Structure formats: structure tokens, C-alpha cells
Protein backbone atom coordinates (compact mmCIF):
# COMPACT_ATOMS: atom_id res chain seq x y z
CA MET A 1 104.16 132.27 13.27
CA ALA A 2 105.26 128.94 13.92
CA GLY A 3 104.63 127.35 17.46
CA ARG A 4 106.72 126.57 20.08
CA GLY A 5 108.92 123.60 19.19
CA ASP A 6 108.18 123.72 15.54
CA PRO A 7 110.52 124.64 12.95
CA PRO A 8 110.27 128.04 11.66
CA GLU A 9 108.42 127.24 8.46
CA GLY A 10 105.98 124.61 10.39
CA THR A 11 105.92 120.86 10.44
CA PRO A 12 106.67 119.27 7.00
CA GLU A 13 104.08 117.62 4.99
CA GLY A 14 104.39 114.05 5.06
CA LEU A 15 106.89 113.58 7.95
CA PRO A 16 106.14 112.33 11.59
CA GLY A 17 104.64 114.68 13.94
CA GLY A 18 101.60 115.70 11.71
CA GLU A 19 98.36 115.32 13.41
CA ASP A 20 96.99 113.50 10.56
CA GLU A 21 99.36 110.57 11.13
CA TYR A 22 97.50 109.95 14.64
CA ARG A 23 93.99 110.82 13.51
CA SER A 24 93.15 107.16 12.74
CA VAL A 25 94.43 105.89 15.92
CA VAL A 26 92.59 108.09 18.55
CA PHE A 27 90.13 106.80 20.52
CA ASP A 28 87.26 108.61 22.13
CA GLU A 29 85.99 108.10 25.52
CA ALA A 30 83.29 105.63 24.83
CA PHE A 31 85.71 103.41 23.03
CA VAL A 32 87.93 103.63 26.13
CA GLN A 33 85.11 102.79 28.43
CA ALA A 34 83.80 99.90 26.58
CA ALA A 35 87.48 98.36 26.22
CA ARG A 36 87.65 94.59 27.62
CA LEU A 37 91.23 94.82 28.73
CA GLN A 38 92.81 97.13 30.70
CA GLU A 39 96.67 97.97 31.29
CA PHE A 40 98.12 97.39 34.97
CA SER A 41 99.55 100.90 36.15
CA ALA A 42 103.25 101.07 36.58
CA GLN A 43 103.09 100.51 40.51
CA GLU A 44 101.04 97.40 39.78
CA ARG A 45 103.43 96.22 36.97
CA MET A 46 106.19 96.32 39.82
CA GLY A 47 104.43 93.85 42.01
CA GLU A 48 103.90 90.09 41.47
CA HIS A 49 101.54 90.56 38.57
CA ALA A 50 103.20 88.78 35.57
CA GLN A 51 100.83 90.20 33.01
CA ALA A 52 100.85 93.77 31.58
CA VAL A 53 96.89 93.71 31.20
CA ARG A 54 94.01 92.31 32.96
CA SER A 55 90.42 91.67 31.84
CA ARG A 56 87.30 93.70 32.73
CA PRO A 57 83.85 92.65 33.43
CA ALA A 58 81.43 93.45 30.45
CA TRP A 59 79.02 95.73 32.61
CA GLU A 60 82.16 97.61 34.30
CA GLY A 61 82.74 99.40 30.85
CA ARG A 62 79.08 100.54 30.35
CA GLY A 63 78.24 101.35 33.69
CA GLY A 64 75.65 98.48 34.04
CA GLY A 65 73.18 100.37 31.59
CA GLY A 66 72.71 97.60 29.33
CA SER A 67 71.87 95.15 31.95
CA ARG A 68 69.64 97.32 33.71
CA GLN A 69 67.71 98.22 30.45
CA ALA A 70 67.23 94.66 29.61
CA LEU A 71 65.83 93.99 32.83
CA MET A 72 63.52 97.06 32.68
CA LEU A 73 62.27 95.61 29.27
CA VAL A 74 61.72 92.31 30.73
CA LEU A 75 59.68 93.38 33.77
CA LEU A 76 57.47 95.70 31.05
CA ILE A 77 56.73 92.76 29.09
CA LEU A 78 55.40 90.69 32.04
CA LEU A 79 53.48 93.55 33.47
CA ALA A 80 51.85 94.19 30.27
CA PHE A 81 51.09 90.33 29.95
CA GLY A 82 49.63 90.00 33.33
CA THR A 83 47.19 93.24 32.68
CA ALA A 84 46.39 91.26 29.42
CA VAL A 85 45.42 88.38 31.05
CA TYR A 86 43.49 90.15 34.17
CA LEU A 87 41.50 92.24 32.19
CA GLY A 88 40.60 89.30 29.68
CA VAL A 89 39.25 87.26 32.69
CA ARG A 90 37.47 90.20 34.21
CA ASN A 91 35.93 91.53 30.95
CA PRO A 92 31.99 90.86 31.13
CA TYR A 93 31.69 91.68 27.39
CA GLN A 94 32.28 88.34 25.82
CA PRO A 95 31.43 87.59 22.14
CA PRO A 96 27.85 86.09 21.43
CA VAL A 97 27.54 82.61 21.42
CA ASP A 98 26.62 81.02 18.24
CA GLN A 99 23.04 79.71 18.45
CA PRO A 100 21.67 76.93 16.45
CA ALA A 101 19.46 77.49 13.68
CA GLU A 102 15.89 76.91 14.42
CA ALA A 103 13.75 74.27 12.26
CA LEU A 104 12.14 75.67 9.30
CA ARG A 105 8.07 75.93 9.80
CA THR A 106 6.40 75.26 6.52
CA THR A 107 2.71 75.64 5.04
CA VAL A 108 1.99 74.69 1.51
CA VAL A 109 -1.81 75.61 0.24
CA PRO A 110 -3.18 74.10 -2.98
CA LEU A 111 -5.28 76.55 -4.78
CA ALA A 112 -8.31 74.77 -6.87
CA PRO A 113 -9.88 76.48 -9.67
CA GLN A 114 -13.56 77.01 -9.96
CA GLY A 115 -13.76 75.87 -13.36
CA PRO A 116 -11.65 74.39 -16.11
CA VAL A 117 -8.08 75.70 -16.52
CA PRO A 118 -7.79 77.85 -19.47
CA GLY A 119 -5.44 76.63 -22.03
CA GLY A 120 -3.53 78.33 -25.24
CA GLU A 121 0.11 79.07 -26.30
CA PRO A 122 2.42 81.02 -23.55
CA ALA A 123 2.70 84.27 -25.19
CA GLY A 124 -1.08 84.59 -25.13
CA LEU A 125 -1.60 83.37 -21.44
CA PHE A 126 0.90 85.50 -20.08
CA ALA A 127 -0.64 88.62 -21.92
CA HIS A 128 -4.23 87.88 -20.64
CA SER A 129 -3.04 87.42 -16.90
CA PRO A 130 -2.09 89.30 -14.12
CA ALA A 131 1.57 88.38 -14.84
CA ALA A 132 1.49 90.36 -18.18
CA GLU A 133 3.61 93.37 -16.86
CA HIS A 134 5.63 91.28 -14.58
CA ARG A 135 9.66 90.91 -15.24
CA THR A 136 11.03 87.81 -16.42
CA GLY A 137 13.42 85.64 -14.23
CA ALA A 138 15.81 87.05 -11.75
CA SER A 139 15.25 90.91 -12.87
CA GLY A 140 11.91 90.57 -10.94
CA ILE A 141 13.44 89.99 -7.78
CA ASN A 142 14.62 93.61 -7.11
CA LEU A 143 16.66 94.63 -4.16
CA PRO A 144 15.29 97.67 -1.91
CA MET A 145 17.43 100.60 -1.22
CA ALA A 146 19.68 99.31 1.84
CA ALA A 147 20.70 101.20 4.55
CA ARG A 148 22.60 100.66 7.77
CA THR A 149 21.06 99.56 11.15
CA THR A 150 22.01 100.29 14.51
CA HIS A 151 24.65 97.10 14.61
CA PHE A 152 24.96 96.27 11.11
CA SER A 153 26.69 98.21 8.20
CA GLU A 154 25.11 99.09 4.72
CA SER A 155 27.24 96.47 3.15
CA GLN A 156 26.07 93.82 5.65
CA VAL A 157 22.50 94.45 4.82
CA VAL A 158 23.22 94.74 1.00
CA ALA A 159 24.87 91.12 1.55
CA ALA A 160 21.76 89.59 3.43
CA LEU A 161 19.50 91.07 0.43
CA GLY A 162 21.84 89.59 -2.10
CA ILE A 163 21.79 85.99 -0.30
CA ALA A 164 18.01 86.18 0.05
CA LYS A 165 17.72 86.90 -3.62
CA ASP A 166 20.32 84.14 -4.42
CA TYR A 167 18.23 81.55 -2.71
CA LEU A 168 14.94 82.70 -4.68
CA VAL A 169 16.82 82.33 -7.77
CA ALA A 170 18.11 78.99 -6.93
CA SER A 171 14.79 77.77 -5.66
CA SER A 172 12.58 79.04 -7.85
CA LEU A 173 13.95 79.71 -11.19
CA GLU A 174 16.73 77.09 -11.79
CA PRO A 175 15.61 75.02 -14.65
CA ASP A 176 17.04 71.49 -13.13
CA VAL A 177 15.62 72.56 -9.85
CA LEU A 178 12.12 73.11 -11.51
CA ALA A 179 12.57 69.76 -13.26
CA GLY A 180 13.22 67.57 -10.19
CA LEU A 181 16.75 66.71 -11.41
CA THR A 182 19.00 68.46 -8.55
CA VAL A 183 18.39 70.35 -5.27
CA ARG A 184 21.90 71.27 -4.96
CA PRO A 185 21.77 75.08 -5.97
CA PRO A 186 19.47 76.00 -2.91
CA ARG A 187 21.03 73.36 -0.50
CA LEU A 188 24.20 75.19 -0.96
CA LEU A 189 23.02 78.24 0.56
CA ILE A 190 21.28 76.82 3.37
CA ASP A 191 22.55 77.16 7.03
CA PRO A 192 24.40 73.88 7.92
CA ASP A 193 21.97 73.35 11.16
CA GLN A 194 19.01 72.82 8.66
CA LEU A 195 20.45 70.64 6.24
CA GLU A 196 19.14 67.47 7.95
CA GLN A 197 15.73 68.89 8.00
CA PHE A 198 16.29 69.98 4.26
CA ASP A 199 17.62 66.34 3.10
CA HIS A 200 15.04 64.50 5.27
CA SER A 201 12.25 66.84 3.26
CA VAL A 202 13.57 65.68 0.03
CA ALA A 203 14.05 62.10 0.94
CA SER A 204 10.93 61.90 2.74
CA PRO A 205 8.24 64.70 2.30
CA LYS A 206 5.83 64.79 4.80
CA ASP A 207 2.90 67.04 5.40
CA ASP A 208 3.76 67.95 9.02
CA GLY A 209 4.44 71.47 8.92
CA ARG A 210 8.06 70.72 8.65
CA HIS A 211 9.07 68.82 6.01
CA ALA A 212 7.29 69.47 2.76
CA VAL A 213 9.34 69.89 -0.20
CA GLY A 214 7.43 72.67 -1.83
CA ALA A 215 8.21 75.01 1.06
CA TRP A 216 12.16 74.82 0.38
CA LEU A 217 11.83 74.84 -3.43
CA VAL A 218 9.43 74.77 -6.44
CA ARG A 219 9.61 71.43 -8.19
CA PHE A 220 7.33 69.57 -10.90
CA ASP A 221 6.94 65.90 -11.32
CA PRO A 222 8.98 65.66 -14.91
CA ARG A 223 6.87 62.80 -15.59
CA ARG A 224 3.93 64.76 -15.66
CA VAL A 225 4.63 68.22 -16.13
CA VAL A 226 7.24 70.24 -18.04
CA LEU A 227 7.88 74.00 -18.72
CA ALA A 228 6.11 75.42 -21.92
CA ASP A 229 8.27 78.47 -21.86
CA PRO A 230 11.54 78.81 -19.78
CA SER A 231 10.90 82.69 -19.15
CA VAL A 232 9.27 82.58 -15.61
CA ARG A 233 7.26 86.02 -14.63
CA VAL A 234 8.24 87.37 -11.13
CA GLN A 235 6.99 90.22 -8.93
CA GLY A 236 7.68 90.97 -5.45
CA THR A 237 9.28 92.59 -2.64
CA LEU A 238 11.95 92.13 -0.18
CA ARG A 239 12.21 93.92 3.42
CA PHE A 240 14.98 93.96 6.05
CA ALA A 241 14.77 94.41 9.60
CA GLU A 242 17.28 94.23 12.58
CA ILE A 243 15.75 91.78 15.06
CA ASN A 244 18.70 92.46 17.70
CA ALA A 245 22.66 93.37 17.78
CA ASP A 246 23.48 89.96 16.21
CA VAL A 247 20.51 89.20 13.65
CA LEU A 248 19.38 90.57 10.46
CA GLU A 249 15.88 89.31 9.00
CA VAL A 250 14.59 89.52 5.41
CA THR A 251 11.34 88.82 4.18
CA ALA A 252 10.65 87.70 0.85
CA ASP A 253 7.21 87.79 -0.88
CA HIS A 254 6.95 87.15 -4.39
CA THR A 255 4.70 85.63 -7.06
CA PHE A 256 6.02 83.20 -9.63
CA THR A 257 4.25 82.42 -13.01
CA TYR A 258 5.19 79.28 -15.01
CA ALA A 259 3.72 78.55 -18.31
CA VAL A 260 3.38 74.42 -18.06
CA ARG A 261 2.39 71.74 -20.38
CA PRO A 262 1.86 68.02 -19.91
CA ALA A 263 5.14 65.92 -20.40
CA SER A 264 5.67 64.68 -23.74
CA THR A 265 4.51 60.94 -24.30
CA GLY A 266 6.78 60.53 -27.81
CA SER A 267 3.55 61.01 -30.05
CA THR A 268 4.01 62.67 -32.95
CA GLY A 269 0.49 64.71 -32.88
CA PRO A 270 0.00 68.34 -31.91
CA GLN A 271 1.67 69.60 -28.94
CA ALA A 272 -0.54 70.07 -26.07
CA ARG A 273 -1.92 73.48 -25.00
CA ALA A 274 -0.25 75.31 -22.14
CA SER A 275 -1.55 76.58 -19.01
CA LEU A 276 -0.58 78.88 -16.45
CA PHE A 277 0.51 77.87 -12.73
CA THR A 278 0.97 80.41 -10.05
CA VAL A 279 3.45 80.22 -6.96
CA HIS A 280 2.93 82.91 -4.08
CA ARG A 281 6.19 82.39 -2.01
CA GLU A 282 6.58 84.41 1.57
CA LEU A 283 10.10 83.34 3.15
CA ARG A 284 11.62 84.57 6.24
CA PHE A 285 15.26 84.68 6.47
CA ARG A 286 17.60 85.12 9.44
CA PHE A 287 21.03 86.11 9.34
CA ASP A 288 23.93 86.21 11.96
CA ARG A 289 27.45 87.59 11.06
CA ASP A 290 28.68 84.10 10.06
CA ASP A 291 25.98 84.05 8.00
CA LEU A 292 26.93 86.80 5.96
CA ARG A 293 30.39 85.94 5.91
CA MET A 294 29.92 82.33 4.80
CA HIS A 295 27.16 83.77 1.95
CA ARG A 296 24.39 81.10 3.74
CA ALA A 297 20.90 81.81 5.41
CA GLU A 298 18.55 80.20 7.93
CA LEU A 299 15.29 79.87 6.91
CA LEU A 300 12.54 80.58 9.55
CA THR A 301 9.07 80.24 7.88
CA SER A 302 7.72 79.41 4.40
CA THR A 303 4.61 79.94 3.26
CA VAL A 304 3.35 78.69 -0.30
CA GLN A 305 0.13 79.04 -2.15
CA ALA A 306 0.05 77.52 -5.52
CA GLY A 307 -2.60 76.88 -8.06
CA PRO A 308 -4.55 75.68 -9.94
CA GLN A 309 -4.20 72.37 -8.19
CA SER A 310 -6.70 69.68 -6.60
CA CYS A 311 -7.35 69.94 -2.64
CA ASP A 312 -7.08 66.33 -2.74
CA GLY A 313 -3.30 66.10 -4.28
CA ASP A 314 -0.37 65.32 -2.43
CA THR A 315 2.03 68.19 -2.77
CA THR A 316 4.56 67.39 -0.05
CA GLY A 317 7.13 66.03 -2.74
CA SER A 318 6.30 68.21 -5.66
CA LEU A 319 3.58 70.63 -6.72
CA ARG A 320 1.03 68.95 -9.19
CA PRO A 321 -0.49 71.67 -11.41
CA LEU A 322 -4.22 71.31 -12.90
CA LEU A 323 -3.21 71.53 -16.72
CA ALA A 324 -5.40 72.84 -19.55
CA GLY A 325 -9.04 71.98 -19.70
CA GLU A 326 -8.67 70.15 -16.05
CA ARG A 327 -10.99 70.53 -13.39
CA ALA A 328 -10.29 70.30 -9.50
CA ALA A 329 -11.34 67.12 -7.55
CA GLY A 330 -11.87 66.58 -4.18
CA PRO A 331 -13.32 68.34 -1.19
CA GLU A 332 -14.40 72.14 -1.97
CA ALA A 333 -12.09 74.79 -1.23
CA ARG A 334 -13.00 77.58 1.06
CA ALA A 335 -11.29 80.70 1.30
CA VAL A 336 -10.77 82.55 -2.10
CA THR A 337 -7.22 83.41 -2.45
CA ASP A 338 -5.33 85.68 -4.93
CA PRO A 339 -1.74 84.49 -5.28
CA TYR A 340 -0.93 88.02 -6.98
CA ALA A 341 -1.95 89.85 -3.76
CA THR A 342 1.65 89.86 -2.30
CA SER A 343 0.75 92.69 0.14
CA ARG A 344 -1.77 90.65 1.96
CA PRO A 345 -0.90 88.05 4.66
CA ALA A 346 -0.69 84.38 3.27
CA THR A 347 -3.70 82.29 4.44
CA SER A 348 -2.64 78.98 6.43
CA SER A 349 -6.07 77.01 5.40
CA LEU A 350 -5.47 73.63 4.29
CA CYS A 351 -6.96 74.69 0.65
CA GLY A 352 -7.98 77.57 -0.80
CA THR A 353 -9.98 78.61 -3.87
CA LEU A 354 -7.96 80.23 -6.61
CA ALA A 355 -9.47 83.88 -7.30
CA PRO A 356 -10.97 83.88 -10.83
CA GLY A 357 -8.92 87.03 -11.62
CA ALA A 358 -5.76 85.03 -11.25
CA GLN A 359 -6.50 83.16 -14.29
CA PRO A 360 -6.05 84.24 -17.87
CA SER A 361 -9.27 85.71 -19.41
CA PHE A 362 -9.85 86.23 -23.11
């Protein structure tokens, strides 16, 4: 049934008066409250006002809510900033101060043979020496099973061991380093605080416990000695330990056996016989978190025992192997030392006697 005031058949479609006609112009309460213009009332328009509408303040239509929210947000930001500054000033747990690296302490001990140095072909010499079962090159430097410590993760321990191995390879196995042609590979792995000491050792080597090149790397005089076989035999161990919350320490204890022969003189005669030269290196590395991140190491101590050499030879600049058939000269050595006994503490004497068992036997 039609409503009051409507035609009996209802409001015709499409004609004025239907609610659809005004749907698009109906304003909700929020829209009306937000309006910036307000019409004067009929009574106000009868007065002196010439205009039909007036402007409303921006806050009036919103009840001041936006301004209050903005003010509260600013106050919260200031409060948070002040709290952060206060806690930063009062926080007693400051990051550790970076400690400069210590100077490397070095010991290089020549080992003199008790008789003439055995000679022959490299393969036969290796087969009849304690290095017969040793691995070749970097494969002889094995990483131990890594595990996290109290303050260092397993990955950080692996990184420290990896840097130590990289240094051993660069300083003991790199052909150009062994030949005295470059020092760059090991130098790139040294803590910047120790580079001055390293460079001084290379430029002006001294037997003062700080500046012997043989403590940093293995180097032969290319005018006198060359490698007879590039396959260096290696055996040893790597160990790690946490020193404190900020420092890891790695100890490397390895024996390197080189086949060497006299440098070529340009003659067309038969090639000179080879001999074996053994270097026992015990290095202690220190790593802080910056060292691990930058892939570098601080060297604490380096003890090297190498032979066969003469006790009166100058080994501060490069190692001086006695070659096949040669005998040791100079003062008689004292302690008998086996460079293959890596489990024993390294001697700190000025010169040692190379144990007979360390030489090839036929």
C-alpha cells in the first residue's frame, strides 16, 4: 500500500522525489563536522552580517583531536630520545677498546748435522726419510674439529683456524716466497699494527729476537739454493683456545720438508744431487673480532728449528741449507733436536744438533 502523500501506485521511476535522486548528495555527520564553512542562521542573517556563511577554525570541526594527537606524538618522541640518551650515558657495559698488537717474539735455531748431508734424487730421499708418509703441500695442514667456545661461535673458530692455515701456506709453501721473490702473500694476512716490524725484518734483518725474517716466513737465497721438487711434505697440528671474551688463540705446530739442490751455474754437466731440508715451525696466532672480520692475524711468537745448517751461518735474512755432501762448520752444537717431533716443546738454544734419525737413511 502506498504511503501517505504518495500516489496510489507509488512514486514513478525516474521522476523527482525518489530517494535515489538525492543519494549522492547526502552528507554524513563526520562530513558536516569537518566543513570549513558554516551558514549563518536566519536570525543572524537578519542582523548586520552581509555574508551568508562564515569560516570555521580548523580545530573546531574536529574537536581538537588531531592537534592533541600530534602533541602527544611529539612528547612521546622526546621522552624516548631522552631515555635513550640517559641510558647510553649511564650504561657501564661499553664495547671493548681495541688493543694494539704486540711485537712478534722470534727464535730461529739452526740444526747442524753430525756428518755429511745425504744426497740423491728427491723421490728416493723422501721415501727413506721420516717425511715418507707426510702429505704434500696444503693438504698436510689439517683443520681440527671446530666447536664454539664461551664467547665465540663455531663459525668464528673456523675462521680463525682458516686464517692460520692461509698464513702457513703463504709463508711456507708459496714458491715465490720460498725463492725470495716476494713477501706479499704473508704480509697481506698480518695485523696492520705489526706491519712496521715485518717490513723492518725484511729490509734489515737482525738476530735480536724481533727481526729475523725466518721467523715470519721460509725463504732461501735463490743465488745459492733452489727447490729440487715443488712438492713440499707437511705434517702437524692446529689447536685453538679462548683466551678471554674478546680473544681467540691458535697454535700451529708443523714440520715442512723441502727437497733442495744447488742453484744452477749455467753448466751443461750433470745436475747436482738433491738433499732434504727440514723446518719445524711453531707459531702462536691471536685473533680479536676485527681480525676475524678482516681476515688477518696477530703473530705472538714464532719458534723455528731448521736444518741441516751450520751454527755459524747467518740465518736472519734467509735460511742457508747445507747441501748434499757438505758438513757443518763452526762451533759444536749442544742439544740433539728432532724437527719431526712436533709434540715436544721447541728448544730456545742458539744452535742444536740435527738428530740422525731426521736425515734420510739408505
